[in-house]
Amino acid sequence: MAGKFVRRMIQTGSILLLAVSLFGGCAHTWSPKQAPTVPLESVGPLGPGLSVNLINDQPSTTPQMFAAIGGHTHYANYNEWTDFFIRYWGEALTKRGVVVGPQSMNTISVKLDDFRFYQGFAKVRTNMKIHLSSPDNTWKKDFDETDTSGWSMGRAFGSVIYHAVEKLMQDPEVLGRMKQ
């Protein structure tokens, strides 16, 4: 009799654990890893006379949900992603002769947010918003960027950052903010 009771408890516990797993789903927090390097052939030297101090203007460090697919929820810490974006953009600018750092009088505040993820057939699409502004908010420019990948969400996010930085390094308004 005790053996039947123990088996029944194990079965009930297993079913309960399975139900909690299925209904609770899995949560994934995505952190930036890498993005392809923007080649000099794509965007050449930007010349002397440009400098910029890139500042993280994203106050939120709490992971924000940007997708829920099939019981899986996906989160991103926008502050962490903004830091990654600033480092990546700063390195690309430095390779092109732009002075990047706090010694510059030209400050651009940067904020990434509103990530989106869409699962398609054999490819994924990611979206993000990039907000640029002067510290006193007299100048602002927003970008809605999107990209797709046949591989993974991580590659799609790396690709969207790559293309966004490539675009920023060719934008006359953004480059105008960097003139000394």
N, C-alpha and C. Protein backbone atom coordinates (compact mmCIF):
# COMPACT_ATOMS: atom_id res chain seq x y z
N MET A 1 0.82 -1.19 0.00
CA MET A 1 0.00 0.00 0.00
C MET A 1 0.87 1.26 0.00
N ALA A 2 1.94 1.25 0.81
CA ALA A 2 2.82 2.41 0.86
C ALA A 2 3.54 2.60 -0.47
N GLY A 3 3.87 1.49 -1.15
CA GLY A 3 4.54 1.57 -2.45
C GLY A 3 3.65 2.23 -3.49
N LYS A 4 2.35 1.92 -3.47
CA LYS A 4 1.41 2.55 -4.41
C LYS A 4 1.33 4.06 -4.16
N PHE A 5 1.32 4.41 -2.90
CA PHE A 5 1.23 5.83 -2.53
C PHE A 5 2.47 6.59 -3.02
N VAL A 6 3.64 6.00 -2.83
CA VAL A 6 4.89 6.64 -3.25
C VAL A 6 4.91 6.80 -4.77
N ARG A 7 4.50 5.73 -5.49
CA ARG A 7 4.46 5.82 -6.96
C ARG A 7 3.49 6.90 -7.41
N ARG A 8 2.34 6.98 -6.76
CA ARG A 8 1.33 7.99 -7.12
C ARG A 8 1.89 9.40 -6.87
N MET A 9 2.62 9.59 -5.77
CA MET A 9 3.21 10.89 -5.46
C MET A 9 4.28 11.26 -6.50
N ILE A 10 5.09 10.29 -6.90
CA ILE A 10 6.12 10.55 -7.90
C ILE A 10 5.47 10.92 -9.23
N GLN A 11 4.43 10.19 -9.62
CA GLN A 11 3.73 10.50 -10.87
C GLN A 11 3.11 11.90 -10.82
N THR A 12 2.45 12.20 -9.71
CA THR A 12 1.81 13.51 -9.56
C THR A 12 2.86 14.62 -9.58
N GLY A 13 3.96 14.41 -8.88
CA GLY A 13 5.03 15.40 -8.86
C GLY A 13 5.64 15.61 -10.24
N SER A 14 5.83 14.52 -10.98
CA SER A 14 6.38 14.62 -12.33
C SER A 14 5.45 15.38 -13.26
N ILE A 15 4.17 15.09 -13.17
CA ILE A 15 3.18 15.78 -14.01
C ILE A 15 3.13 17.25 -13.64
N LEU A 16 3.16 17.55 -12.36
CA LEU A 16 3.13 18.94 -11.91
C LEU A 16 4.38 19.70 -12.39
N LEU A 17 5.54 19.07 -12.29
CA LEU A 17 6.79 19.69 -12.75
C LEU A 17 6.74 19.94 -14.26
N LEU A 18 6.23 18.98 -15.02
CA LEU A 18 6.10 19.14 -16.47
C LEU A 18 5.14 20.28 -16.80
N ALA A 19 4.03 20.36 -16.10
CA ALA A 19 3.04 21.42 -16.35
C ALA A 19 3.63 22.80 -16.05
N VAL A 20 4.35 22.91 -14.95
CA VAL A 20 4.97 24.19 -14.60
C VAL A 20 5.99 24.59 -15.67
N SER A 21 6.78 23.62 -16.15
CA SER A 21 7.76 23.92 -17.19
C SER A 21 7.10 24.35 -18.48
N LEU A 22 6.03 23.68 -18.86
CA LEU A 22 5.35 24.03 -20.11
C LEU A 22 4.65 25.37 -20.03
N PHE A 23 3.97 25.62 -18.92
CA PHE A 23 3.24 26.87 -18.80
C PHE A 23 4.15 28.04 -18.44
N GLY A 24 5.20 27.78 -17.71
CA GLY A 24 6.13 28.84 -17.30
C GLY A 24 7.07 29.24 -18.42
N GLY A 25 7.39 28.31 -19.30
CA GLY A 25 8.29 28.61 -20.41
C GLY A 25 9.71 28.85 -19.93
N CYS A 26 10.49 29.38 -20.81
CA CYS A 26 11.88 29.66 -20.51
C CYS A 26 12.18 31.12 -20.81
N ALA A 27 12.97 31.73 -19.97
CA ALA A 27 13.35 33.13 -20.18
C ALA A 27 14.81 33.18 -20.61
N HIS A 28 15.10 34.00 -21.60
CA HIS A 28 16.45 34.17 -22.13
C HIS A 28 16.81 35.65 -22.09
N THR A 29 17.95 35.96 -21.49
CA THR A 29 18.44 37.34 -21.52
C THR A 29 19.60 37.39 -22.51
N TRP A 30 19.46 38.24 -23.51
CA TRP A 30 20.45 38.35 -24.57
C TRP A 30 21.44 39.47 -24.24
N SER A 31 22.72 39.12 -24.29
CA SER A 31 23.79 40.10 -24.09
C SER A 31 24.55 40.25 -25.40
N PRO A 32 25.07 41.44 -25.66
CA PRO A 32 25.82 41.63 -26.91
C PRO A 32 27.11 40.83 -26.90
N LYS A 33 27.43 40.24 -28.02
CA LYS A 33 28.67 39.46 -28.12
C LYS A 33 29.62 40.09 -29.13
N GLN A 34 29.18 40.17 -30.38
CA GLN A 34 30.06 40.72 -31.41
C GLN A 34 29.23 41.18 -32.60
N ALA A 35 29.85 41.99 -33.41
CA ALA A 35 29.26 42.44 -34.67
C ALA A 35 30.39 42.47 -35.68
N PRO A 36 30.10 42.21 -36.94
CA PRO A 36 31.16 42.25 -37.95
C PRO A 36 31.80 43.64 -38.03
N THR A 37 33.06 43.69 -38.33
CA THR A 37 33.78 44.96 -38.47
C THR A 37 33.37 45.65 -39.77
N VAL A 38 33.10 46.94 -39.69
CA VAL A 38 32.78 47.72 -40.90
C VAL A 38 34.10 47.94 -41.64
N PRO A 39 34.23 47.38 -42.86
CA PRO A 39 35.50 47.52 -43.58
C PRO A 39 35.75 48.94 -44.06
N LEU A 40 37.01 49.29 -44.17
CA LEU A 40 37.38 50.62 -44.66
C LEU A 40 36.93 50.83 -46.10
N GLU A 41 36.76 49.75 -46.85
CA GLU A 41 36.27 49.87 -48.23
C GLU A 41 34.81 50.33 -48.24
N SER A 42 34.09 50.00 -47.19
CA SER A 42 32.67 50.38 -47.10
C SER A 42 32.51 51.85 -46.71
N VAL A 43 33.24 52.24 -45.68
CA VAL A 43 33.26 53.65 -45.24
C VAL A 43 34.73 53.99 -45.03
N GLY A 44 35.24 54.87 -45.86
CA GLY A 44 36.66 55.22 -45.81
C GLY A 44 36.98 56.19 -44.69
N PRO A 45 38.19 56.73 -44.72
CA PRO A 45 38.61 57.70 -43.70
C PRO A 45 37.65 58.89 -43.65
N LEU A 46 37.42 59.37 -42.45
CA LEU A 46 36.51 60.51 -42.27
C LEU A 46 37.29 61.81 -42.13
N GLY A 47 38.59 61.68 -42.12
CA GLY A 47 39.43 62.87 -42.16
C GLY A 47 39.67 63.51 -40.81
N PRO A 48 40.66 64.40 -40.79
CA PRO A 48 40.94 65.14 -39.56
C PRO A 48 39.86 66.18 -39.31
N GLY A 49 39.85 66.68 -38.11
CA GLY A 49 38.89 67.73 -37.77
C GLY A 49 37.59 67.21 -37.19
N LEU A 50 37.49 65.90 -36.98
CA LEU A 50 36.28 65.35 -36.36
C LEU A 50 36.64 64.75 -35.01
N SER A 51 35.80 65.03 -34.02
CA SER A 51 35.98 64.43 -32.70
C SER A 51 34.61 64.28 -32.06
N VAL A 52 34.49 63.33 -31.15
CA VAL A 52 33.21 63.10 -30.49
C VAL A 52 33.43 62.38 -29.16
N ASN A 53 32.57 62.70 -28.22
CA ASN A 53 32.49 61.99 -26.95
C ASN A 53 31.13 61.31 -26.93
N LEU A 54 31.12 59.98 -26.98
CA LEU A 54 29.88 59.21 -27.00
C LEU A 54 29.50 58.83 -25.58
N ILE A 55 28.29 59.19 -25.16
CA ILE A 55 27.82 58.98 -23.79
C ILE A 55 26.60 58.06 -23.79
N ASN A 56 26.58 57.11 -22.86
CA ASN A 56 25.42 56.22 -22.70
C ASN A 56 24.30 56.99 -22.01
N ASP A 57 23.20 57.18 -22.70
CA ASP A 57 22.05 57.92 -22.18
C ASP A 57 20.89 56.98 -21.84
N GLN A 58 21.16 55.67 -21.77
CA GLN A 58 20.11 54.70 -21.47
C GLN A 58 20.13 54.41 -19.97
N PRO A 59 19.15 54.94 -19.21
CA PRO A 59 19.17 54.76 -17.76
C PRO A 59 18.73 53.36 -17.31
N SER A 60 17.98 52.65 -18.12
CA SER A 60 17.40 51.38 -17.70
C SER A 60 18.42 50.25 -17.74
N THR A 61 18.66 49.64 -16.57
CA THR A 61 19.53 48.47 -16.50
C THR A 61 18.72 47.20 -16.24
N THR A 62 17.42 47.34 -16.10
CA THR A 62 16.55 46.19 -15.89
C THR A 62 16.27 45.54 -17.23
N PRO A 63 16.50 44.23 -17.36
CA PRO A 63 16.20 43.57 -18.63
C PRO A 63 14.73 43.77 -19.03
N GLN A 64 14.53 44.14 -20.29
CA GLN A 64 13.20 44.39 -20.83
C GLN A 64 12.84 43.28 -21.82
N MET A 65 11.60 42.79 -21.75
CA MET A 65 11.17 41.75 -22.68
C MET A 65 10.96 42.36 -24.06
N PHE A 66 11.52 41.73 -25.08
CA PHE A 66 11.32 42.21 -26.45
C PHE A 66 10.68 41.17 -27.36
N ALA A 67 10.52 39.92 -26.88
CA ALA A 67 9.86 38.91 -27.69
C ALA A 67 9.37 37.78 -26.81
N ALA A 68 8.27 37.18 -27.22
CA ALA A 68 7.73 35.99 -26.57
C ALA A 68 7.28 35.05 -27.69
N ILE A 69 7.98 33.93 -27.81
CA ILE A 69 7.71 33.00 -28.90
C ILE A 69 7.67 31.58 -28.35
N GLY A 70 6.54 30.92 -28.51
CA GLY A 70 6.43 29.51 -28.14
C GLY A 70 6.84 29.19 -26.72
N GLY A 71 6.42 29.99 -25.77
CA GLY A 71 6.76 29.74 -24.38
C GLY A 71 8.13 30.26 -23.97
N HIS A 72 8.84 30.84 -24.88
CA HIS A 72 10.16 31.41 -24.58
C HIS A 72 10.05 32.93 -24.60
N THR A 73 10.54 33.56 -23.54
CA THR A 73 10.57 35.02 -23.49
C THR A 73 12.02 35.48 -23.63
N HIS A 74 12.20 36.57 -24.34
CA HIS A 74 13.54 37.09 -24.62
C HIS A 74 13.66 38.50 -24.06
N TYR A 75 14.74 38.73 -23.31
CA TYR A 75 14.97 39.99 -22.62
C TYR A 75 16.31 40.59 -23.05
N ALA A 76 16.42 41.91 -22.93
CA ALA A 76 17.68 42.62 -23.20
C ALA A 76 17.84 43.75 -22.20
N ASN A 77 19.05 43.91 -21.70
CA ASN A 77 19.42 45.04 -20.86
C ASN A 77 19.87 46.15 -21.81
N TYR A 78 19.01 47.13 -22.03
CA TYR A 78 19.29 48.17 -23.02
C TYR A 78 20.52 49.00 -22.67
N ASN A 79 20.82 49.16 -21.39
CA ASN A 79 22.02 49.90 -20.99
C ASN A 79 23.27 49.15 -21.44
N GLU A 80 23.28 47.85 -21.23
CA GLU A 80 24.41 47.01 -21.65
C GLU A 80 24.58 47.05 -23.17
N TRP A 81 23.47 46.96 -23.89
CA TRP A 81 23.52 47.01 -25.36
C TRP A 81 24.00 48.38 -25.84
N THR A 82 23.59 49.45 -25.17
CA THR A 82 24.03 50.79 -25.55
C THR A 82 25.54 50.92 -25.33
N ASP A 83 26.06 50.40 -24.22
CA ASP A 83 27.51 50.40 -23.98
C ASP A 83 28.25 49.69 -25.11
N PHE A 84 27.75 48.52 -25.49
CA PHE A 84 28.37 47.75 -26.58
C PHE A 84 28.36 48.56 -27.88
N PHE A 85 27.21 49.16 -28.18
CA PHE A 85 27.06 49.95 -29.40
C PHE A 85 28.04 51.12 -29.42
N ILE A 86 28.18 51.81 -28.29
CA ILE A 86 29.11 52.95 -28.19
C ILE A 86 30.55 52.50 -28.41
N ARG A 87 30.95 51.38 -27.78
CA ARG A 87 32.31 50.86 -27.97
C ARG A 87 32.55 50.51 -29.44
N TYR A 88 31.59 49.81 -30.03
CA TYR A 88 31.70 49.38 -31.42
C TYR A 88 31.79 50.58 -32.36
N TRP A 89 30.90 51.55 -32.20
CA TRP A 89 30.89 52.75 -33.03
C TRP A 89 32.18 53.56 -32.82
N GLY A 90 32.60 53.70 -31.55
CA GLY A 90 33.82 54.44 -31.24
C GLY A 90 35.05 53.81 -31.89
N GLU A 91 35.15 52.48 -31.87
CA GLU A 91 36.27 51.80 -32.51
C GLU A 91 36.26 52.03 -34.02
N ALA A 92 35.07 51.97 -34.63
CA ALA A 92 34.95 52.19 -36.08
C ALA A 92 35.35 53.63 -36.44
N LEU A 93 34.95 54.59 -35.62
CA LEU A 93 35.31 55.99 -35.87
C LEU A 93 36.81 56.21 -35.71
N THR A 94 37.39 55.64 -34.66
CA THR A 94 38.83 55.78 -34.40
C THR A 94 39.65 55.26 -35.58
N LYS A 95 39.25 54.12 -36.15
CA LYS A 95 39.95 53.55 -37.31
C LYS A 95 39.91 54.49 -38.51
N ARG A 96 38.96 55.41 -38.51
CA ARG A 96 38.79 56.33 -39.64
C ARG A 96 39.31 57.74 -39.33
N GLY A 97 40.10 57.87 -38.25
CA GLY A 97 40.75 59.13 -37.95
C GLY A 97 39.96 60.10 -37.09
N VAL A 98 38.83 59.67 -36.54
CA VAL A 98 38.04 60.54 -35.66
C VAL A 98 38.58 60.39 -34.24
N VAL A 99 38.76 61.50 -33.54
CA VAL A 99 39.20 61.48 -32.15
C VAL A 99 37.96 61.19 -31.30
N VAL A 100 38.00 60.08 -30.55
CA VAL A 100 36.85 59.66 -29.74
C VAL A 100 37.26 59.64 -28.28
N GLY A 101 36.51 60.36 -27.43
CA GLY A 101 36.79 60.35 -26.01
C GLY A 101 36.35 61.62 -25.33
N PRO A 102 36.53 61.68 -24.02
CA PRO A 102 36.05 62.82 -23.23
C PRO A 102 36.77 64.13 -23.52
N GLN A 103 37.90 64.09 -24.23
CA GLN A 103 38.61 65.32 -24.58
C GLN A 103 37.86 66.12 -25.64
N SER A 104 36.87 65.51 -26.30
CA SER A 104 36.12 66.21 -27.35
C SER A 104 35.03 67.09 -26.74
N MET A 105 34.82 68.24 -27.34
CA MET A 105 33.74 69.15 -26.93
C MET A 105 32.41 68.74 -27.58
N ASN A 106 32.46 67.83 -28.55
CA ASN A 106 31.27 67.39 -29.29
C ASN A 106 30.73 66.11 -28.66
N THR A 107 29.71 66.25 -27.86
CA THR A 107 29.14 65.09 -27.17
C THR A 107 27.86 64.65 -27.86
N ILE A 108 27.76 63.34 -28.06
CA ILE A 108 26.53 62.73 -28.56
C ILE A 108 26.07 61.72 -27.52
N SER A 109 24.86 61.93 -27.01
CA SER A 109 24.24 60.97 -26.09
C SER A 109 23.57 59.89 -26.93
N VAL A 110 23.77 58.64 -26.54
CA VAL A 110 23.28 57.49 -27.31
C VAL A 110 22.36 56.65 -26.43
N LYS A 111 21.24 56.22 -27.00
CA LYS A 111 20.32 55.34 -26.27
C LYS A 111 19.71 54.34 -27.25
N LEU A 112 19.82 53.05 -26.93
CA LEU A 112 19.17 51.99 -27.70
C LEU A 112 17.97 51.49 -26.92
N ASP A 113 16.88 51.21 -27.62
CA ASP A 113 15.71 50.61 -26.97
C ASP A 113 14.76 50.03 -28.01
N ASP A 114 13.63 49.58 -27.55
CA ASP A 114 12.54 49.07 -28.38
C ASP A 114 13.00 47.97 -29.34
N PHE A 115 13.70 46.97 -28.79
CA PHE A 115 14.11 45.83 -29.61
C PHE A 115 12.87 45.03 -29.98
N ARG A 116 12.89 44.41 -31.14
CA ARG A 116 11.83 43.52 -31.60
C ARG A 116 12.48 42.34 -32.32
N PHE A 117 11.81 41.20 -32.22
CA PHE A 117 12.29 39.98 -32.87
C PHE A 117 11.12 39.30 -33.54
N TYR A 118 11.33 38.89 -34.79
CA TYR A 118 10.29 38.21 -35.55
C TYR A 118 10.88 36.94 -36.14
N GLN A 119 10.24 35.82 -35.84
CA GLN A 119 10.68 34.53 -36.36
C GLN A 119 9.94 34.26 -37.66
N GLY A 120 10.67 34.10 -38.74
CA GLY A 120 10.07 33.78 -40.02
C GLY A 120 10.47 32.38 -40.44
N PHE A 121 10.11 32.01 -41.65
CA PHE A 121 10.51 30.71 -42.17
C PHE A 121 11.96 30.79 -42.63
N ALA A 122 12.84 30.06 -41.99
CA ALA A 122 14.26 29.98 -42.33
C ALA A 122 15.02 31.29 -42.16
N LYS A 123 14.44 32.27 -41.48
CA LYS A 123 15.18 33.49 -41.17
C LYS A 123 14.51 34.22 -40.01
N VAL A 124 15.28 35.10 -39.39
CA VAL A 124 14.76 35.92 -38.30
C VAL A 124 15.00 37.38 -38.63
N ARG A 125 14.17 38.24 -38.07
CA ARG A 125 14.34 39.68 -38.26
C ARG A 125 14.39 40.34 -36.89
N THR A 126 15.31 41.28 -36.73
CA THR A 126 15.41 42.05 -35.49
C THR A 126 15.28 43.53 -35.82
N ASN A 127 14.68 44.26 -34.90
CA ASN A 127 14.54 45.71 -35.01
C ASN A 127 15.07 46.34 -33.72
N MET A 128 15.57 47.55 -33.84
CA MET A 128 15.95 48.33 -32.66
C MET A 128 15.87 49.81 -33.01
N LYS A 129 15.66 50.61 -31.98
CA LYS A 129 15.67 52.06 -32.15
C LYS A 129 16.95 52.62 -31.56
N ILE A 130 17.53 53.56 -32.28
CA ILE A 130 18.75 54.23 -31.83
C ILE A 130 18.43 55.71 -31.73
N HIS A 131 18.61 56.26 -30.54
CA HIS A 131 18.33 57.68 -30.28
C HIS A 131 19.65 58.40 -30.04
N LEU A 132 19.90 59.43 -30.81
CA LEU A 132 21.08 60.27 -30.63
C LEU A 132 20.61 61.67 -30.27
N SER A 133 21.35 62.33 -29.37
CA SER A 133 20.99 63.70 -29.00
C SER A 133 22.20 64.43 -28.44
N SER A 134 22.08 65.76 -28.41
CA SER A 134 23.08 66.56 -27.72
C SER A 134 22.71 66.52 -26.23
N PRO A 135 23.65 66.76 -25.34
CA PRO A 135 23.33 66.72 -23.91
C PRO A 135 22.21 67.67 -23.50
N ASP A 136 22.09 68.81 -24.19
CA ASP A 136 21.03 69.77 -23.85
C ASP A 136 19.75 69.55 -24.67
N ASN A 137 19.73 68.48 -25.45
CA ASN A 137 18.57 68.09 -26.28
C ASN A 137 18.19 69.12 -27.35
N THR A 138 19.11 70.00 -27.74
CA THR A 138 18.81 70.94 -28.82
C THR A 138 18.96 70.26 -30.19
N TRP A 139 19.63 69.11 -30.21
CA TRP A 139 19.78 68.34 -31.44
C TRP A 139 19.39 66.90 -31.15
N LYS A 140 18.56 66.32 -31.99
CA LYS A 140 18.13 64.92 -31.82
C LYS A 140 18.01 64.26 -33.18
N LYS A 141 18.31 62.98 -33.20
CA LYS A 141 18.12 62.19 -34.41
C LYS A 141 17.84 60.76 -33.99
N ASP A 142 16.77 60.19 -34.55
CA ASP A 142 16.37 58.82 -34.23
C ASP A 142 16.48 57.95 -35.47
N PHE A 143 16.85 56.70 -35.24
CA PHE A 143 16.96 55.72 -36.31
C PHE A 143 16.18 54.48 -35.92
N ASP A 144 15.35 53.97 -36.82
CA ASP A 144 14.67 52.68 -36.66
C ASP A 144 15.40 51.72 -37.57
N GLU A 145 16.14 50.82 -36.98
CA GLU A 145 16.97 49.90 -37.77
C GLU A 145 16.41 48.49 -37.72
N THR A 146 16.58 47.76 -38.81
CA THR A 146 16.11 46.38 -38.90
C THR A 146 17.09 45.57 -39.74
N ASP A 147 17.18 44.29 -39.46
CA ASP A 147 18.00 43.41 -40.28
C ASP A 147 17.52 41.97 -40.11
N THR A 148 17.89 41.14 -41.06
CA THR A 148 17.49 39.73 -41.02
C THR A 148 18.73 38.85 -41.06
N SER A 149 18.54 37.63 -40.60
CA SER A 149 19.61 36.64 -40.64
C SER A 149 18.99 35.28 -40.90
N GLY A 150 19.67 34.47 -41.66
CA GLY A 150 19.24 33.09 -41.86
C GLY A 150 19.79 32.17 -40.79
N TRP A 151 20.52 32.75 -39.82
CA TRP A 151 21.16 31.94 -38.81
C TRP A 151 20.46 32.02 -37.46
N SER A 152 20.57 33.16 -36.80
CA SER A 152 20.08 33.23 -35.42
C SER A 152 19.75 34.67 -35.03
N MET A 153 19.09 34.80 -33.89
CA MET A 153 18.77 36.12 -33.35
C MET A 153 20.06 36.89 -33.04
N GLY A 154 21.04 36.23 -32.47
CA GLY A 154 22.31 36.88 -32.14
C GLY A 154 22.99 37.47 -33.37
N ARG A 155 23.00 36.70 -34.45
CA ARG A 155 23.60 37.21 -35.69
C ARG A 155 22.80 38.36 -36.27
N ALA A 156 21.49 38.28 -36.16
CA ALA A 156 20.65 39.37 -36.68
C ALA A 156 20.91 40.66 -35.90
N PHE A 157 21.05 40.57 -34.56
CA PHE A 157 21.35 41.77 -33.77
C PHE A 157 22.74 42.31 -34.11
N GLY A 158 23.73 41.42 -34.28
CA GLY A 158 25.06 41.87 -34.68
C GLY A 158 25.03 42.57 -36.03
N SER A 159 24.23 42.04 -36.93
CA SER A 159 24.12 42.62 -38.27
C SER A 159 23.42 43.97 -38.25
N VAL A 160 22.39 44.11 -37.41
CA VAL A 160 21.68 45.40 -37.35
C VAL A 160 22.61 46.48 -36.78
N ILE A 161 23.44 46.12 -35.81
CA ILE A 161 24.41 47.07 -35.26
C ILE A 161 25.45 47.45 -36.32
N TYR A 162 25.95 46.47 -37.03
CA TYR A 162 26.91 46.71 -38.12
C TYR A 162 26.34 47.72 -39.13
N HIS A 163 25.14 47.45 -39.63
CA HIS A 163 24.55 48.32 -40.65
C HIS A 163 24.20 49.71 -40.10
N ALA A 164 23.79 49.77 -38.82
CA ALA A 164 23.47 51.06 -38.21
C ALA A 164 24.72 51.93 -38.11
N VAL A 165 25.82 51.36 -37.65
CA VAL A 165 27.07 52.12 -37.52
C VAL A 165 27.57 52.54 -38.90
N GLU A 166 27.46 51.66 -39.87
CA GLU A 166 27.84 52.01 -41.25
C GLU A 166 27.03 53.21 -41.73
N LYS A 167 25.75 53.21 -41.43
CA LYS A 167 24.86 54.31 -41.82
C LYS A 167 25.21 55.61 -41.08
N LEU A 168 25.47 55.51 -39.77
CA LEU A 168 25.81 56.70 -38.98
C LEU A 168 27.09 57.36 -39.47
N MET A 169 28.05 56.55 -39.91
CA MET A 169 29.33 57.11 -40.37
C MET A 169 29.20 57.77 -41.75
N GLN A 170 28.04 57.68 -42.36
CA GLN A 170 27.79 58.32 -43.65
C GLN A 170 26.71 59.39 -43.56
N ASP A 171 26.15 59.60 -42.38
CA ASP A 171 25.07 60.56 -42.20
C ASP A 171 25.64 61.97 -42.02
N PRO A 172 25.31 62.91 -42.91
CA PRO A 172 25.88 64.26 -42.82
C PRO A 172 25.54 64.98 -41.51
N GLU A 173 24.34 64.79 -40.99
CA GLU A 173 23.96 65.45 -39.72
C GLU A 173 24.78 64.93 -38.56
N VAL A 174 24.94 63.60 -38.50
CA VAL A 174 25.71 63.00 -37.41
C VAL A 174 27.17 63.43 -37.51
N LEU A 175 27.73 63.38 -38.70
CA LEU A 175 29.12 63.82 -38.88
C LEU A 175 29.28 65.31 -38.58
N GLY A 176 28.25 66.10 -38.88
CA GLY A 176 28.27 67.53 -38.56
C GLY A 176 28.39 67.79 -37.07
N ARG A 177 27.84 66.91 -36.25
CA ARG A 177 27.94 67.04 -34.79
C ARG A 177 29.36 66.80 -34.29
N MET A 178 30.18 66.19 -35.13
CA MET A 178 31.54 65.83 -34.72
C MET A 178 32.58 66.85 -35.16
N LYS A 179 32.18 67.88 -35.87
CA LYS A 179 33.15 68.87 -36.37
C LYS A 179 33.65 69.74 -35.23
N GLN A 180 34.97 69.99 -35.23
CA GLN A 180 35.58 70.76 -34.15
C GLN A 180 35.39 72.24 -34.36
